[in-house]
Amino acid sequence: MLVYPLTVEDGKLKLTYDTEDIVRMSIVSAVMTVKQERVMRPSYGRGWQPFDRATLPDILRDCRQAIEEALVGLPPVQLELFATVNDEGQVTLDVYYAPGSSIAIILDQMAAVATL
């Protein structure tokens, strides 16, 4: 898989075979790509547009579906998505992912740090 953002190394586009990098780049790609944007894969990516009247549950559901579709064929990954809207209407999407069932450990550690 090509490294994202595109990187040139020794005059060639850099490739990665590291599963963690591939999962991370697939998540970013799926969320940043709008359906119909890719000519040869029109169903790839998220469905909502920046000016759609989407609710947070709609955005979370749509992004989770896009990410899960992008990760087909890779080792199983646990996902947790959180979204918030600030006073200007900007949406922040936080995606936490981990192989297998270790996502619960990561979220517990985050909660412990947040309470300190």
C-alpha atoms as a PDB file:
ATOM      1  CA  MET A   1       0.000   0.000   0.000  1.00  0.00           C
ATOM      2  CA  LEU A   2       1.191   3.541  -0.708  1.00  0.00           C
ATOM      3  CA  VAL A   3       2.204   5.548   2.335  1.00  0.00           C
ATOM      4  CA  TYR A   4      -0.174   8.421   3.096  1.00  0.00           C
ATOM      5  CA  PRO A   5       0.640  11.254   2.758  1.00  0.00           C
ATOM      6  CA  LEU A   6       2.467  10.336  -0.422  1.00  0.00           C
ATOM      7  CA  THR A   7       6.198  10.097   0.201  1.00  0.00           C
ATOM      8  CA  VAL A   8       8.979   9.752  -2.348  1.00  0.00           C
ATOM      9  CA  GLU A   9      11.924   7.615  -1.327  1.00  0.00           C
ATOM     10  CA  ASP A  10      14.826   6.939  -3.711  1.00  0.00           C
ATOM     11  CA  GLY A  11      12.806   8.435  -6.578  1.00  0.00           C
ATOM     12  CA  LYS A  12       9.853   6.072  -6.032  1.00  0.00           C
ATOM     13  CA  LEU A  13       6.620   6.308  -4.080  1.00  0.00           C
ATOM     14  CA  LYS A  14       7.160   4.732  -0.681  1.00  0.00           C
ATOM     15  CA  LEU A  15       5.197   1.572   0.116  1.00  0.00           C
ATOM     16  CA  THR A  16       4.363   0.050   3.474  1.00  0.00           C
ATOM     17  CA  TYR A  17       3.583  -3.494   4.457  1.00  0.00           C
ATOM     18  CA  ASP A  18       3.094  -2.690   8.148  1.00  0.00           C
ATOM     19  CA  THR A  19      -0.456  -3.656   9.145  1.00  0.00           C
ATOM     20  CA  GLU A  20      -0.749  -0.850  11.709  1.00  0.00           C
ATOM     21  CA  ASP A  21       0.178   1.770   9.091  1.00  0.00           C
ATOM     22  CA  ILE A  22      -2.235   0.265   6.571  1.00  0.00           C
ATOM     23  CA  VAL A  23      -5.110   0.306   9.094  1.00  0.00           C
ATOM     24  CA  ARG A  24      -4.382   3.925  10.096  1.00  0.00           C
ATOM     25  CA  MET A  25      -4.126   5.103   6.499  1.00  0.00           C
ATOM     26  CA  SER A  26      -7.291   3.202   5.520  1.00  0.00           C
ATOM     27  CA  ILE A  27      -9.235   4.901   8.320  1.00  0.00           C
ATOM     28  CA  VAL A  28      -8.034   8.364   7.285  1.00  0.00           C
ATOM     29  CA  SER A  29      -8.743   7.643   3.623  1.00  0.00           C
ATOM     30  CA  ALA A  30     -12.267   6.343   4.287  1.00  0.00           C
ATOM     31  CA  VAL A  31     -13.270   9.336   6.418  1.00  0.00           C
ATOM     32  CA  MET A  32     -11.685  11.945   4.135  1.00  0.00           C
ATOM     33  CA  THR A  33     -13.188  10.543   0.922  1.00  0.00           C
ATOM     34  CA  VAL A  34     -16.758  11.405  -0.066  1.00  0.00           C
ATOM     35  CA  LYS A  35     -18.876   8.815  -1.906  1.00  0.00           C
ATOM     36  CA  GLN A  36     -18.832   9.339  -5.686  1.00  0.00           C
ATOM     37  CA  GLU A  37     -15.396  11.014  -5.408  1.00  0.00           C
ATOM     38  CA  ARG A  38     -13.546   7.982  -6.757  1.00  0.00           C
ATOM     39  CA  VAL A  39     -14.552   7.190 -10.313  1.00  0.00           C
ATOM     40  CA  MET A  40     -13.678   3.497 -10.179  1.00  0.00           C
ATOM     41  CA  ARG A  41     -15.008   3.026  -6.600  1.00  0.00           C
ATOM     42  CA  PRO A  42     -18.040   5.319  -6.289  1.00  0.00           C
ATOM     43  CA  SER A  43     -19.358   3.582  -3.156  1.00  0.00           C
ATOM     44  CA  TYR A  44     -16.066   4.093  -1.240  1.00  0.00           C
ATOM     45  CA  GLY A  45     -15.951   6.656   1.576  1.00  0.00           C
ATOM     46  CA  ARG A  46     -18.407   8.527   3.745  1.00  0.00           C
ATOM     47  CA  GLY A  47     -21.827   9.551   2.524  1.00  0.00           C
ATOM     48  CA  TRP A  48     -22.412  12.912   4.195  1.00  0.00           C
ATOM     49  CA  GLN A  49     -21.240  16.195   2.723  1.00  0.00           C
ATOM     50  CA  PRO A  50     -19.944  19.117   4.824  1.00  0.00           C
ATOM     51  CA  PHE A  51     -23.154  21.150   4.407  1.00  0.00           C
ATOM     52  CA  ASP A  52     -25.646  18.305   4.860  1.00  0.00           C
ATOM     53  CA  ARG A  53     -28.003  18.560   7.802  1.00  0.00           C
ATOM     54  CA  ALA A  54     -26.639  15.412   9.400  1.00  0.00           C
ATOM     55  CA  THR A  55     -26.962  14.667  13.106  1.00  0.00           C
ATOM     56  CA  LEU A  56     -24.037  13.365  15.154  1.00  0.00           C
ATOM     57  CA  PRO A  57     -25.483   9.838  15.245  1.00  0.00           C
ATOM     58  CA  ASP A  58     -25.814   9.970  11.424  1.00  0.00           C
ATOM     59  CA  ILE A  59     -22.201  11.102  11.058  1.00  0.00           C
ATOM     60  CA  LEU A  60     -20.914   8.448  13.461  1.00  0.00           C
ATOM     61  CA  ARG A  61     -22.921   5.682  11.764  1.00  0.00           C
ATOM     62  CA  ASP A  62     -21.800   6.777   8.301  1.00  0.00           C
ATOM     63  CA  CYS A  63     -18.123   7.093   9.260  1.00  0.00           C
ATOM     64  CA  ARG A  64     -18.157   3.714  11.052  1.00  0.00           C
ATOM     65  CA  GLN A  65     -19.647   2.073   7.956  1.00  0.00           C
ATOM     66  CA  ALA A  66     -17.074   3.725   5.668  1.00  0.00           C
ATOM     67  CA  ILE A  67     -14.197   2.664   7.934  1.00  0.00           C
ATOM     68  CA  GLU A  68     -15.452  -0.906   8.308  1.00  0.00           C
ATOM     69  CA  GLU A  69     -15.783  -1.223   4.526  1.00  0.00           C
ATOM     70  CA  ALA A  70     -12.259   0.170   4.049  1.00  0.00           C
ATOM     71  CA  LEU A  71     -10.845  -2.383   6.510  1.00  0.00           C
ATOM     72  CA  VAL A  72     -12.317  -5.459   4.800  1.00  0.00           C
ATOM     73  CA  GLY A  73      -9.549  -7.983   4.236  1.00  0.00           C
ATOM     74  CA  LEU A  74      -7.355  -6.649   7.048  1.00  0.00           C
ATOM     75  CA  PRO A  75      -6.990  -8.262  10.483  1.00  0.00           C
ATOM     76  CA  PRO A  76      -9.925  -7.557  12.834  1.00  0.00           C
ATOM     77  CA  VAL A  77      -9.879  -4.095  14.405  1.00  0.00           C
ATOM     78  CA  GLN A  78     -11.975  -2.784  17.291  1.00  0.00           C
ATOM     79  CA  LEU A  79     -13.305   0.724  16.634  1.00  0.00           C
ATOM     80  CA  GLU A  80     -14.684   3.432  18.885  1.00  0.00           C
ATOM     81  CA  LEU A  81     -15.872   6.687  17.318  1.00  0.00           C
ATOM     82  CA  PHE A  82     -16.796   9.884  19.130  1.00  0.00           C
ATOM     83  CA  ALA A  83     -18.010  13.132  17.601  1.00  0.00           C
ATOM     84  CA  THR A  84     -18.530  16.597  19.040  1.00  0.00           C
ATOM     85  CA  VAL A  85     -19.778  19.887  17.613  1.00  0.00           C
ATOM     86  CA  ASN A  86     -18.341  23.212  18.753  1.00  0.00           C
ATOM     87  CA  ASP A  87     -20.125  26.587  18.873  1.00  0.00           C
ATOM     88  CA  GLU A  88     -19.178  27.326  15.236  1.00  0.00           C
ATOM     89  CA  GLY A  89     -20.776  24.087  14.062  1.00  0.00           C
ATOM     90  CA  GLN A  90     -17.481  22.321  13.353  1.00  0.00           C
ATOM     91  CA  VAL A  91     -17.537  18.568  13.885  1.00  0.00           C
ATOM     92  CA  THR A  92     -14.576  16.844  15.509  1.00  0.00           C
ATOM     93  CA  LEU A  93     -14.387  13.095  14.920  1.00  0.00           C
ATOM     94  CA  ASP A  94     -12.185  11.024  17.226  1.00  0.00           C
ATOM     95  CA  VAL A  95     -11.437   7.493  16.063  1.00  0.00           C
ATOM     96  CA  TYR A  96      -9.824   5.028  18.447  1.00  0.00           C
ATOM     97  CA  TYR A  97      -8.817   1.679  17.057  1.00  0.00           C
ATOM     98  CA  ALA A  98      -6.885  -1.342  18.213  1.00  0.00           C
ATOM     99  CA  PRO A  99      -6.406  -4.922  17.072  1.00  0.00           C
ATOM    100  CA  GLY A 100      -8.728  -7.482  18.606  1.00  0.00           C
ATOM    101  CA  SER A 101     -10.373  -6.554  21.900  1.00  0.00           C
ATOM    102  CA  SER A 102      -7.651  -4.280  23.295  1.00  0.00           C
ATOM    103  CA  ILE A 103      -9.694  -1.126  22.581  1.00  0.00           C
ATOM    104  CA  ALA A 104     -11.347  -1.460  26.016  1.00  0.00           C
ATOM    105  CA  ILE A 105      -7.912  -1.218  27.667  1.00  0.00           C
ATOM    106  CA  ILE A 106      -7.038   1.907  25.666  1.00  0.00           C
ATOM    107  CA  LEU A 107     -10.343   3.615  26.517  1.00  0.00           C
ATOM    108  CA  ASP A 108      -9.916   2.715  30.215  1.00  0.00           C
ATOM    109  CA  GLN A 109      -6.425   4.240  30.188  1.00  0.00           C
ATOM    110  CA  MET A 110      -7.777   7.396  28.497  1.00  0.00           C
ATOM    111  CA  ALA A 111     -10.529   7.708  31.118  1.00  0.00           C
ATOM    112  CA  ALA A 112      -7.973   7.311  33.916  1.00  0.00           C
ATOM    113  CA  VAL A 113      -5.788  10.055  32.430  1.00  0.00           C
ATOM    114  CA  ALA A 114      -8.786  12.353  31.942  1.00  0.00           C
ATOM    115  CA  THR A 115      -9.716  12.073  35.636  1.00  0.00           C
ATOM    116  CA  LEU A 116      -6.226  12.948  36.922  1.00  0.00           C
END
